[in-house]
Amino acid sequence: MRTKLILSTIVIVVAVFSGVALVPRLGYKHHAENLFRYVFFREPYVNRVFLADVVDVEPGDATYKKLIIDRDLDDRRWGTADFSVPARDRLTIETTPDGVAAYMELVSTFRKRFSTLSKMDNDYQIADISNFLHDFWRKNQLRPAYDNASFRQKDEKDRHPEDLIYYFANNRSNSSIIAETSVAFLRDLGFRTRLIRVSFTPGEEVANHVFLEVFSTYQAKWVMFDAMENFIPERNGRLLSAFEFFADLEPGGNFEAANQSYRYRKIGYEIWFNRNGPTKTVYRLRTRANPM
């Protein structure tokens, strides 16, 4: 906390003494306010990164174990949806009346069905959320694909998760859209989440597939959650984090016995996520063949 306090103070002081001319060019007013809220109120970090670090995770090492059980290792990224205000006040993209109606129906249905989940947190209900989102995703696969150009052109601080939920409610969507929708809904229920990417090329942090992890208080660990594939891995009756699942490629092991095939889990693929902040840390793990 002391390091965070010092860093927050430095940035705020720089923002103040840099002069009025810097405010419109670099947006220091927003940066200082967001950094303050990030340090003291655990709000997501949406500003530029001053330093980045990459941590290669090895199965069984201290970082690997910490990533599985430490609830504070969420990704601290972006904002949170606010369903308590009218949709028109949160949707910043171009919409249609029918599109807004579909969005509101999806949100209403989800909240009515799962509004008590945060109080009854257990594995079956997490699986129910995956089933719900997967079925909705499949239903929309014959619709036109979404065009999120207007969303991508916005500054990060002006983007709202509700915009991506609108795309999910009205269009055929890819893994990133259903993952972002999952994040927004799970956060609304009080869960901590982190967005996980799969890269087909080791050493390159590209997003060839996107899913997430959710922290289960019932399991006291992070759990992999891929609603597009409707997949939550388990071993011996216990749900697994993505880092556990991707680290175990033993032929004929428990995963195969449970018929838990997953097309994005192959030798040489890599999973990674960003832990955002003034200093960003990228945690990545590469799948390898286990020694025989």
C-alpha atoms as a PDB file:
ATOM      1  CA  MET A   1       0.000   0.000   0.000  1.00  0.00           C
ATOM      2  CA  ARG A   2       2.886   2.385   0.789  1.00  0.00           C
ATOM      3  CA  THR A   3       4.327   1.920  -2.701  1.00  0.00           C
ATOM      4  CA  LYS A   4       0.917   2.559  -4.244  1.00  0.00           C
ATOM      5  CA  LEU A   5       0.456   5.670  -2.149  1.00  0.00           C
ATOM      6  CA  ILE A   6       3.840   7.066  -3.211  1.00  0.00           C
ATOM      7  CA  LEU A   7       3.127   6.329  -6.886  1.00  0.00           C
ATOM      8  CA  SER A   8      -0.338   7.882  -6.672  1.00  0.00           C
ATOM      9  CA  THR A   9       1.070  10.994  -5.032  1.00  0.00           C
ATOM     10  CA  ILE A  10       3.810  11.380  -7.659  1.00  0.00           C
ATOM     11  CA  VAL A  11       1.391  11.126 -10.586  1.00  0.00           C
ATOM     12  CA  ILE A  12      -1.110  13.532  -9.020  1.00  0.00           C
ATOM     13  CA  VAL A  13       1.655  16.047  -8.266  1.00  0.00           C
ATOM     14  CA  VAL A  14       2.934  15.785 -11.843  1.00  0.00           C
ATOM     15  CA  ALA A  15      -0.591  16.343 -13.117  1.00  0.00           C
ATOM     16  CA  VAL A  16      -0.976  19.464 -11.001  1.00  0.00           C
ATOM     17  CA  PHE A  17       2.399  21.024 -11.756  1.00  0.00           C
ATOM     18  CA  SER A  18       2.500  20.168 -15.447  1.00  0.00           C
ATOM     19  CA  GLY A  19       0.310  23.153 -16.176  1.00  0.00           C
ATOM     20  CA  VAL A  20      -3.115  23.720 -17.616  1.00  0.00           C
ATOM     21  CA  ALA A  21      -1.843  23.265 -21.172  1.00  0.00           C
ATOM     22  CA  LEU A  22      -1.183  19.572 -20.546  1.00  0.00           C
ATOM     23  CA  VAL A  23      -4.686  18.778 -19.367  1.00  0.00           C
ATOM     24  CA  PRO A  24      -6.495  18.662 -22.729  1.00  0.00           C
ATOM     25  CA  ARG A  25      -3.538  17.002 -24.497  1.00  0.00           C
ATOM     26  CA  LEU A  26      -2.797  14.193 -22.049  1.00  0.00           C
ATOM     27  CA  GLY A  27      -5.943  14.077 -19.969  1.00  0.00           C
ATOM     28  CA  TYR A  28      -4.107  14.269 -16.644  1.00  0.00           C
ATOM     29  CA  LYS A  29      -7.242  15.325 -14.796  1.00  0.00           C
ATOM     30  CA  HIS A  30      -8.869  12.016 -15.629  1.00  0.00           C
ATOM     31  CA  HIS A  31      -5.629  10.101 -15.049  1.00  0.00           C
ATOM     32  CA  ALA A  32      -5.087  11.543 -11.578  1.00  0.00           C
ATOM     33  CA  GLU A  33      -8.681  10.933 -10.511  1.00  0.00           C
ATOM     34  CA  ASN A  34      -8.708   7.376 -11.836  1.00  0.00           C
ATOM     35  CA  LEU A  35      -5.363   6.543 -10.213  1.00  0.00           C
ATOM     36  CA  PHE A  36      -6.625   7.853  -6.877  1.00  0.00           C
ATOM     37  CA  ARG A  37      -9.754   5.693  -7.097  1.00  0.00           C
ATOM     38  CA  TYR A  38      -7.697   2.695  -8.221  1.00  0.00           C
ATOM     39  CA  VAL A  39      -5.312   2.993  -5.235  1.00  0.00           C
ATOM     40  CA  PHE A  40      -7.807   3.689  -2.482  1.00  0.00           C
ATOM     41  CA  PHE A  41     -11.146   2.220  -3.677  1.00  0.00           C
ATOM     42  CA  ARG A  42     -10.080  -0.796  -5.823  1.00  0.00           C
ATOM     43  CA  GLU A  43     -11.776   0.625  -8.915  1.00  0.00           C
ATOM     44  CA  PRO A  44     -10.590  -0.702 -12.307  1.00  0.00           C
ATOM     45  CA  TYR A  45      -7.545   0.905 -13.893  1.00  0.00           C
ATOM     46  CA  VAL A  46      -8.245   2.410 -17.331  1.00  0.00           C
ATOM     47  CA  ASN A  47      -5.277   4.713 -17.922  1.00  0.00           C
ATOM     48  CA  ARG A  48      -2.010   4.369 -19.778  1.00  0.00           C
ATOM     49  CA  VAL A  49       0.567   1.912 -18.442  1.00  0.00           C
ATOM     50  CA  PHE A  50       3.920   3.323 -17.392  1.00  0.00           C
ATOM     51  CA  LEU A  51       5.764  -0.006 -17.073  1.00  0.00           C
ATOM     52  CA  ALA A  52       5.021  -3.561 -18.205  1.00  0.00           C
ATOM     53  CA  ASP A  53       6.437  -6.833 -16.965  1.00  0.00           C
ATOM     54  CA  VAL A  54       5.994 -10.390 -18.259  1.00  0.00           C
ATOM     55  CA  VAL A  55       5.952 -13.329 -15.845  1.00  0.00           C
ATOM     56  CA  ASP A  56       6.292 -16.803 -17.354  1.00  0.00           C
ATOM     57  CA  VAL A  57       4.410 -19.216 -15.108  1.00  0.00           C
ATOM     58  CA  GLU A  58       5.662 -22.757 -14.622  1.00  0.00           C
ATOM     59  CA  PRO A  59       3.356 -25.499 -13.285  1.00  0.00           C
ATOM     60  CA  GLY A  60       3.946 -25.979  -9.580  1.00  0.00           C
ATOM     61  CA  ASP A  61       5.986 -22.852  -8.925  1.00  0.00           C
ATOM     62  CA  ALA A  62       5.013 -20.250  -6.329  1.00  0.00           C
ATOM     63  CA  THR A  63       3.401 -17.896  -8.871  1.00  0.00           C
ATOM     64  CA  TYR A  64       1.384 -20.734 -10.401  1.00  0.00           C
ATOM     65  CA  LYS A  65      -0.016 -21.694  -6.999  1.00  0.00           C
ATOM     66  CA  LYS A  66      -0.771 -18.093  -6.098  1.00  0.00           C
ATOM     67  CA  LEU A  67      -2.628 -17.486  -9.374  1.00  0.00           C
ATOM     68  CA  ILE A  68      -4.976 -20.353  -8.546  1.00  0.00           C
ATOM     69  CA  ILE A  69      -5.979 -19.422  -4.990  1.00  0.00           C
ATOM     70  CA  ASP A  70      -5.382 -15.674  -4.509  1.00  0.00           C
ATOM     71  CA  ARG A  71      -8.722 -13.891  -4.906  1.00  0.00           C
ATOM     72  CA  ASP A  72      -6.972 -10.520  -5.164  1.00  0.00           C
ATOM     73  CA  LEU A  73      -5.273 -11.491  -8.427  1.00  0.00           C
ATOM     74  CA  ASP A  74      -8.121 -10.285 -10.626  1.00  0.00           C
ATOM     75  CA  ASP A  75      -7.195  -8.326 -13.739  1.00  0.00           C
ATOM     76  CA  ARG A  76      -8.290  -4.884 -12.418  1.00  0.00           C
ATOM     77  CA  ARG A  77      -9.351  -3.925 -15.909  1.00  0.00           C
ATOM     78  CA  TRP A  78     -11.920  -1.578 -17.363  1.00  0.00           C
ATOM     79  CA  GLY A  79     -15.276  -0.650 -15.824  1.00  0.00           C
ATOM     80  CA  THR A  80     -18.361  -2.312 -14.435  1.00  0.00           C
ATOM     81  CA  ALA A  81     -21.847  -2.318 -15.911  1.00  0.00           C
ATOM     82  CA  ASP A  82     -24.518  -0.338 -14.081  1.00  0.00           C
ATOM     83  CA  PHE A  83     -27.933  -1.869 -14.662  1.00  0.00           C
ATOM     84  CA  SER A  84     -29.584   0.402 -12.108  1.00  0.00           C
ATOM     85  CA  VAL A  85     -29.784   3.305 -14.587  1.00  0.00           C
ATOM     86  CA  PRO A  86     -31.823   3.474 -17.823  1.00  0.00           C
ATOM     87  CA  ALA A  87     -30.235   1.786 -20.823  1.00  0.00           C
ATOM     88  CA  ARG A  88     -30.211   5.051 -22.790  1.00  0.00           C
ATOM     89  CA  ASP A  89     -27.843   6.550 -20.185  1.00  0.00           C
ATOM     90  CA  ARG A  90     -25.317   3.727 -20.525  1.00  0.00           C
ATOM     91  CA  LEU A  91     -25.425   2.675 -24.183  1.00  0.00           C
ATOM     92  CA  THR A  92     -22.986   4.887 -26.079  1.00  0.00           C
ATOM     93  CA  ILE A  93     -23.125   3.160 -29.472  1.00  0.00           C
ATOM     94  CA  GLU A  94     -25.639   3.480 -32.264  1.00  0.00           C
ATOM     95  CA  THR A  95     -28.777   1.534 -31.338  1.00  0.00           C
ATOM     96  CA  THR A  96     -32.290   0.773 -32.606  1.00  0.00           C
ATOM     97  CA  PRO A  97     -35.520   0.540 -30.562  1.00  0.00           C
ATOM     98  CA  ASP A  98     -35.735  -3.191 -31.258  1.00  0.00           C
ATOM     99  CA  GLY A  99     -32.085  -3.620 -30.338  1.00  0.00           C
ATOM    100  CA  VAL A 100     -32.523  -1.801 -27.035  1.00  0.00           C
ATOM    101  CA  ALA A 101     -35.594  -3.931 -26.279  1.00  0.00           C
ATOM    102  CA  ALA A 102     -33.584  -7.121 -26.900  1.00  0.00           C
ATOM    103  CA  TYR A 103     -30.775  -5.830 -24.690  1.00  0.00           C
ATOM    104  CA  MET A 104     -33.156  -4.959 -21.850  1.00  0.00           C
ATOM    105  CA  GLU A 105     -34.894  -8.330 -22.081  1.00  0.00           C
ATOM    106  CA  LEU A 106     -31.555 -10.181 -21.851  1.00  0.00           C
ATOM    107  CA  VAL A 107     -30.420  -8.150 -18.845  1.00  0.00           C
ATOM    108  CA  SER A 108     -33.775  -8.481 -17.096  1.00  0.00           C
ATOM    109  CA  THR A 109     -33.970 -12.235 -17.675  1.00  0.00           C
ATOM    110  CA  PHE A 110     -30.438 -12.787 -16.420  1.00  0.00           C
ATOM    111  CA  ARG A 111     -30.859 -10.716 -13.277  1.00  0.00           C
ATOM    112  CA  LYS A 112     -34.178 -12.301 -12.350  1.00  0.00           C
ATOM    113  CA  ARG A 113     -32.784 -15.795 -12.789  1.00  0.00           C
ATOM    114  CA  PHE A 114     -29.445 -15.298 -11.035  1.00  0.00           C
ATOM    115  CA  SER A 115     -29.933 -12.360  -8.682  1.00  0.00           C
ATOM    116  CA  THR A 116     -29.364 -14.486  -5.576  1.00  0.00           C
ATOM    117  CA  LEU A 117     -26.245 -16.227  -6.868  1.00  0.00           C
ATOM    118  CA  SER A 118     -23.743 -14.098  -4.960  1.00  0.00           C
ATOM    119  CA  LYS A 119     -25.436 -15.212  -1.708  1.00  0.00           C
ATOM    120  CA  MET A 120     -25.591 -18.900  -2.661  1.00  0.00           C
ATOM    121  CA  ASP A 121     -22.321 -19.207  -4.552  1.00  0.00           C
ATOM    122  CA  ASN A 122     -21.799 -22.797  -5.599  1.00  0.00           C
ATOM    123  CA  ASP A 123     -20.489 -24.677  -8.593  1.00  0.00           C
ATOM    124  CA  TYR A 124     -23.861 -25.723  -9.975  1.00  0.00           C
ATOM    125  CA  GLN A 125     -25.057 -22.144 -10.257  1.00  0.00           C
ATOM    126  CA  ILE A 126     -21.849 -21.021 -11.963  1.00  0.00           C
ATOM    127  CA  ALA A 127     -22.442 -23.813 -14.471  1.00  0.00           C
ATOM    128  CA  ASP A 128     -26.040 -22.608 -14.903  1.00  0.00           C
ATOM    129  CA  ILE A 129     -24.767 -19.172 -15.907  1.00  0.00           C
ATOM    130  CA  SER A 130     -22.496 -20.767 -18.515  1.00  0.00           C
ATOM    131  CA  ASN A 131     -25.440 -22.774 -19.881  1.00  0.00           C
ATOM    132  CA  PHE A 132     -27.638 -19.667 -20.028  1.00  0.00           C
ATOM    133  CA  LEU A 133     -25.082 -17.568 -21.934  1.00  0.00           C
ATOM    134  CA  HIS A 134     -24.088 -20.425 -24.227  1.00  0.00           C
ATOM    135  CA  ASP A 135     -27.697 -21.110 -25.229  1.00  0.00           C
ATOM    136  CA  PHE A 136     -28.279 -17.422 -25.954  1.00  0.00           C
ATOM    137  CA  TRP A 137     -25.035 -17.254 -27.985  1.00  0.00           C
ATOM    138  CA  ARG A 138     -26.091 -20.267 -30.088  1.00  0.00           C
ATOM    139  CA  LYS A 139     -29.531 -18.763 -30.703  1.00  0.00           C
ATOM    140  CA  ASN A 140     -27.968 -15.707 -32.333  1.00  0.00           C
ATOM    141  CA  GLN A 141     -25.514 -17.495 -34.615  1.00  0.00           C
ATOM    142  CA  LEU A 142     -27.715 -16.992 -37.675  1.00  0.00           C
ATOM    143  CA  ARG A 143     -27.873 -13.221 -37.128  1.00  0.00           C
ATOM    144  CA  PRO A 144     -25.518 -10.744 -38.808  1.00  0.00           C
ATOM    145  CA  ALA A 145     -22.132 -10.288 -37.156  1.00  0.00           C
ATOM    146  CA  TYR A 146     -21.682  -7.223 -34.973  1.00  0.00           C
ATOM    147  CA  ASP A 147     -19.764  -4.151 -36.122  1.00  0.00           C
ATOM    148  CA  ASN A 148     -18.000  -2.639 -33.129  1.00  0.00           C
ATOM    149  CA  ALA A 149     -16.063   0.069 -34.984  1.00  0.00           C
ATOM    150  CA  SER A 150     -17.835   2.848 -33.104  1.00  0.00           C
ATOM    151  CA  PHE A 151     -16.998   1.150 -29.819  1.00  0.00           C
ATOM    152  CA  ARG A 152     -13.303   0.615 -30.612  1.00  0.00           C
ATOM    153  CA  GLN A 153     -12.866   4.259 -31.608  1.00  0.00           C
ATOM    154  CA  LYS A 154     -13.829   5.488 -28.140  1.00  0.00           C
ATOM    155  CA  ASP A 155     -11.300   6.280 -25.432  1.00  0.00           C
ATOM    156  CA  GLU A 156     -11.105   3.490 -22.875  1.00  0.00           C
ATOM    157  CA  LYS A 157     -12.592   5.666 -20.138  1.00  0.00           C
ATOM    158  CA  ASP A 158     -15.669   6.296 -22.321  1.00  0.00           C
ATOM    159  CA  ARG A 159     -16.376   2.656 -23.150  1.00  0.00           C
ATOM    160  CA  HIS A 160     -19.202   0.905 -21.330  1.00  0.00           C
ATOM    161  CA  PRO A 161     -19.631  -2.865 -20.892  1.00  0.00           C
ATOM    162  CA  GLU A 162     -23.316  -2.372 -21.709  1.00  0.00           C
ATOM    163  CA  ASP A 163     -22.313  -1.620 -25.314  1.00  0.00           C
ATOM    164  CA  LEU A 164     -20.798  -5.095 -25.709  1.00  0.00           C
ATOM    165  CA  ILE A 165     -23.818  -6.708 -24.042  1.00  0.00           C
ATOM    166  CA  TYR A 166     -25.963  -4.912 -26.637  1.00  0.00           C
ATOM    167  CA  TYR A 167     -23.885  -6.524 -29.415  1.00  0.00           C
ATOM    168  CA  PHE A 168     -24.220  -9.909 -27.711  1.00  0.00           C
ATOM    169  CA  ALA A 169     -28.005  -9.511 -27.403  1.00  0.00           C
ATOM    170  CA  ASN A 170     -28.519  -8.600 -31.048  1.00  0.00           C
ATOM    171  CA  ASN A 171     -25.774 -10.145 -33.174  1.00  0.00           C
ATOM    172  CA  ARG A 172     -23.682 -13.180 -33.939  1.00  0.00           C
ATOM    173  CA  SER A 173     -20.690 -12.657 -31.682  1.00  0.00           C
ATOM    174  CA  ASN A 174     -17.196 -14.004 -31.202  1.00  0.00           C
ATOM    175  CA  SER A 175     -15.440 -15.273 -28.085  1.00  0.00           C
ATOM    176  CA  SER A 176     -14.396 -11.826 -26.892  1.00  0.00           C
ATOM    177  CA  ILE A 177     -17.975 -10.496 -26.882  1.00  0.00           C
ATOM    178  CA  ILE A 178     -19.458 -13.432 -24.988  1.00  0.00           C
ATOM    179  CA  ALA A 179     -16.498 -13.316 -22.574  1.00  0.00           C
ATOM    180  CA  GLU A 180     -16.982  -9.589 -21.927  1.00  0.00           C
ATOM    181  CA  THR A 181     -20.716 -10.177 -21.423  1.00  0.00           C
ATOM    182  CA  SER A 182     -19.900 -12.963 -18.974  1.00  0.00           C
ATOM    183  CA  VAL A 183     -17.539 -10.650 -17.096  1.00  0.00           C
ATOM    184  CA  ALA A 184     -20.167  -7.903 -16.855  1.00  0.00           C
ATOM    185  CA  PHE A 185     -22.905 -10.221 -15.601  1.00  0.00           C
ATOM    186  CA  LEU A 186     -20.682 -12.049 -13.111  1.00  0.00           C
ATOM    187  CA  ARG A 187     -19.360  -8.765 -11.733  1.00  0.00           C
ATOM    188  CA  ASP A 188     -22.925  -7.544 -11.350  1.00  0.00           C
ATOM    189  CA  LEU A 189     -23.520 -10.564  -9.107  1.00  0.00           C
ATOM    190  CA  GLY A 190     -20.480  -9.686  -7.002  1.00  0.00           C
ATOM    191  CA  PHE A 191     -17.892 -12.063  -8.448  1.00  0.00           C
ATOM    192  CA  ARG A 192     -14.285 -11.243  -9.178  1.00  0.00           C
ATOM    193  CA  THR A 193     -13.226 -12.076 -12.719  1.00  0.00           C
ATOM    194  CA  ARG A 194     -10.232 -11.965 -15.010  1.00  0.00           C
ATOM    195  CA  LEU A 195     -10.209 -12.182 -18.798  1.00  0.00           C
ATOM    196  CA  ILE A 196      -7.955 -14.945 -20.173  1.00  0.00           C
ATOM    197  CA  ARG A 197      -6.648 -15.119 -23.737  1.00  0.00           C
ATOM    198  CA  VAL A 198      -5.336 -18.077 -25.719  1.00  0.00           C
ATOM    199  CA  SER A 199      -2.455 -17.417 -28.093  1.00  0.00           C
ATOM    200  CA  PHE A 200      -1.643 -20.022 -30.732  1.00  0.00           C
ATOM    201  CA  THR A 201       1.888 -18.592 -31.060  1.00  0.00           C
ATOM    202  CA  PRO A 202       4.055 -18.786 -27.923  1.00  0.00           C
ATOM    203  CA  GLY A 203       5.696 -15.537 -26.918  1.00  0.00           C
ATOM    204  CA  GLU A 204       3.118 -13.406 -28.702  1.00  0.00           C
ATOM    205  CA  GLU A 205       0.336 -11.996 -26.556  1.00  0.00           C
ATOM    206  CA  VAL A 206      -2.398 -12.204 -29.184  1.00  0.00           C
ATOM    207  CA  ALA A 207      -5.998 -13.193 -28.500  1.00  0.00           C
ATOM    208  CA  ASN A 208      -6.893 -16.127 -30.772  1.00  0.00           C
ATOM    209  CA  HIS A 209      -9.570 -17.137 -28.276  1.00  0.00           C
ATOM    210  CA  VAL A 210     -10.936 -15.408 -25.184  1.00  0.00           C
ATOM    211  CA  PHE A 211     -12.618 -16.734 -22.063  1.00  0.00           C
ATOM    212  CA  LEU A 212     -12.447 -15.874 -18.362  1.00  0.00           C
ATOM    213  CA  GLU A 213     -11.912 -17.118 -14.864  1.00  0.00           C
ATOM    214  CA  VAL A 214     -14.252 -16.439 -11.964  1.00  0.00           C
ATOM    215  CA  PHE A 215     -13.298 -16.674  -8.310  1.00  0.00           C
ATOM    216  CA  SER A 216     -15.471 -19.226  -6.517  1.00  0.00           C
ATOM    217  CA  THR A 217     -15.721 -18.691  -2.775  1.00  0.00           C
ATOM    218  CA  TYR A 218     -17.204 -22.178  -2.552  1.00  0.00           C
ATOM    219  CA  GLN A 219     -14.029 -23.662  -4.056  1.00  0.00           C
ATOM    220  CA  ALA A 220     -11.735 -20.950  -2.623  1.00  0.00           C
ATOM    221  CA  LYS A 221      -9.977 -20.697  -5.979  1.00  0.00           C
ATOM    222  CA  TRP A 222     -10.189 -19.353  -9.499  1.00  0.00           C
ATOM    223  CA  VAL A 223     -12.306 -21.402 -11.908  1.00  0.00           C
ATOM    224  CA  MET A 224     -12.128 -21.461 -15.708  1.00  0.00           C
ATOM    225  CA  PHE A 225     -15.350 -20.268 -17.380  1.00  0.00           C
ATOM    226  CA  ASP A 226     -15.788 -20.468 -21.169  1.00  0.00           C
ATOM    227  CA  ALA A 227     -19.436 -19.776 -22.009  1.00  0.00           C
ATOM    228  CA  MET A 228     -18.907 -19.939 -25.771  1.00  0.00           C
ATOM    229  CA  GLU A 229     -17.696 -23.532 -25.479  1.00  0.00           C
ATOM    230  CA  ASN A 230     -19.921 -24.065 -22.395  1.00  0.00           C
ATOM    231  CA  PHE A 231     -16.892 -25.533 -20.702  1.00  0.00           C
ATOM    232  CA  ILE A 232     -15.781 -25.592 -17.066  1.00  0.00           C
ATOM    233  CA  PRO A 233     -13.071 -28.227 -16.497  1.00  0.00           C
ATOM    234  CA  GLU A 234     -12.932 -30.446 -13.454  1.00  0.00           C
ATOM    235  CA  ARG A 235     -10.788 -33.176 -11.947  1.00  0.00           C
ATOM    236  CA  ASN A 236     -11.935 -35.656  -9.325  1.00  0.00           C
ATOM    237  CA  GLY A 237     -15.111 -33.634  -8.777  1.00  0.00           C
ATOM    238  CA  ARG A 238     -13.265 -30.355  -8.224  1.00  0.00           C
ATOM    239  CA  LEU A 239     -13.432 -27.447 -10.666  1.00  0.00           C
ATOM    240  CA  LEU A 240     -10.150 -26.280 -12.164  1.00  0.00           C
ATOM    241  CA  SER A 241      -8.624 -22.943 -12.977  1.00  0.00           C
ATOM    242  CA  ALA A 242      -7.380 -22.376 -16.511  1.00  0.00           C
ATOM    243  CA  PHE A 243      -3.800 -22.554 -15.268  1.00  0.00           C
ATOM    244  CA  GLU A 244      -4.401 -26.009 -13.771  1.00  0.00           C
ATOM    245  CA  PHE A 245      -6.219 -27.231 -16.855  1.00  0.00           C
ATOM    246  CA  PHE A 246      -3.684 -26.005 -19.407  1.00  0.00           C
ATOM    247  CA  ALA A 247      -0.750 -27.268 -17.347  1.00  0.00           C
ATOM    248  CA  ASP A 248      -1.912 -30.911 -17.393  1.00  0.00           C
ATOM    249  CA  LEU A 249      -1.591 -32.573 -20.799  1.00  0.00           C
ATOM    250  CA  GLU A 250      -0.955 -36.120 -19.620  1.00  0.00           C
ATOM    251  CA  PRO A 251      -2.259 -38.586 -22.243  1.00  0.00           C
ATOM    252  CA  GLY A 252      -5.057 -40.729 -20.875  1.00  0.00           C
ATOM    253  CA  GLY A 253      -5.304 -38.610 -17.739  1.00  0.00           C
ATOM    254  CA  ASN A 254      -8.348 -37.513 -15.796  1.00  0.00           C
ATOM    255  CA  PHE A 255      -9.472 -34.976 -18.389  1.00  0.00           C
ATOM    256  CA  GLU A 256      -9.734 -37.516 -21.187  1.00  0.00           C
ATOM    257  CA  ALA A 257     -11.402 -40.015 -18.866  1.00  0.00           C
ATOM    258  CA  ALA A 258     -14.069 -37.403 -18.146  1.00  0.00           C
ATOM    259  CA  ASN A 259     -14.410 -36.717 -21.879  1.00  0.00           C
ATOM    260  CA  GLN A 260     -13.293 -33.130 -21.341  1.00  0.00           C
ATOM    261  CA  SER A 261     -11.938 -32.296 -24.769  1.00  0.00           C
ATOM    262  CA  TYR A 262     -11.232 -28.640 -25.460  1.00  0.00           C
ATOM    263  CA  ARG A 263     -10.052 -27.532 -28.874  1.00  0.00           C
ATOM    264  CA  TYR A 264      -7.982 -24.607 -27.615  1.00  0.00           C
ATOM    265  CA  ARG A 265      -5.838 -26.721 -25.285  1.00  0.00           C
ATOM    266  CA  LYS A 266      -2.942 -27.980 -27.389  1.00  0.00           C
ATOM    267  CA  ILE A 267       0.790 -28.362 -26.983  1.00  0.00           C
ATOM    268  CA  GLY A 268       2.531 -25.071 -27.746  1.00  0.00           C
ATOM    269  CA  TYR A 269      -0.505 -22.878 -27.114  1.00  0.00           C
ATOM    270  CA  GLU A 270      -0.270 -20.186 -24.465  1.00  0.00           C
ATOM    271  CA  ILE A 271      -2.746 -18.631 -22.035  1.00  0.00           C
ATOM    272  CA  TRP A 272      -2.200 -15.189 -20.550  1.00  0.00           C
ATOM    273  CA  PHE A 273      -3.888 -12.311 -18.800  1.00  0.00           C
ATOM    274  CA  ASN A 274      -2.986  -8.746 -17.872  1.00  0.00           C
ATOM    275  CA  ARG A 275      -3.099  -7.486 -14.324  1.00  0.00           C
ATOM    276  CA  ASN A 276      -3.657  -3.813 -15.040  1.00  0.00           C
ATOM    277  CA  GLY A 277      -2.383  -0.796 -13.179  1.00  0.00           C
ATOM    278  CA  PRO A 278       0.246   1.936 -13.565  1.00  0.00           C
ATOM    279  CA  THR A 279       2.594  -1.032 -13.842  1.00  0.00           C
ATOM    280  CA  LYS A 280       1.048  -3.880 -15.854  1.00  0.00           C
ATOM    281  CA  THR A 281       1.990  -7.520 -15.310  1.00  0.00           C
ATOM    282  CA  VAL A 282       1.360 -10.137 -17.980  1.00  0.00           C
ATOM    283  CA  TYR A 283       1.067 -13.667 -16.596  1.00  0.00           C
ATOM    284  CA  ARG A 284       1.454 -16.374 -19.223  1.00  0.00           C
ATOM    285  CA  LEU A 285       1.671 -20.161 -19.242  1.00  0.00           C
ATOM    286  CA  ARG A 286       2.614 -22.341 -22.205  1.00  0.00           C
ATOM    287  CA  THR A 287       1.184 -25.825 -22.622  1.00  0.00           C
ATOM    288  CA  ARG A 288       3.843 -28.491 -22.806  1.00  0.00           C
ATOM    289  CA  ALA A 289       3.879 -32.252 -23.133  1.00  0.00           C
ATOM    290  CA  ASN A 290       4.405 -33.928 -19.782  1.00  0.00           C
ATOM    291  CA  PRO A 291       7.537 -36.093 -19.533  1.00  0.00           C
ATOM    292  CA  MET A 292       6.835 -39.799 -19.899  1.00  0.00           C
END
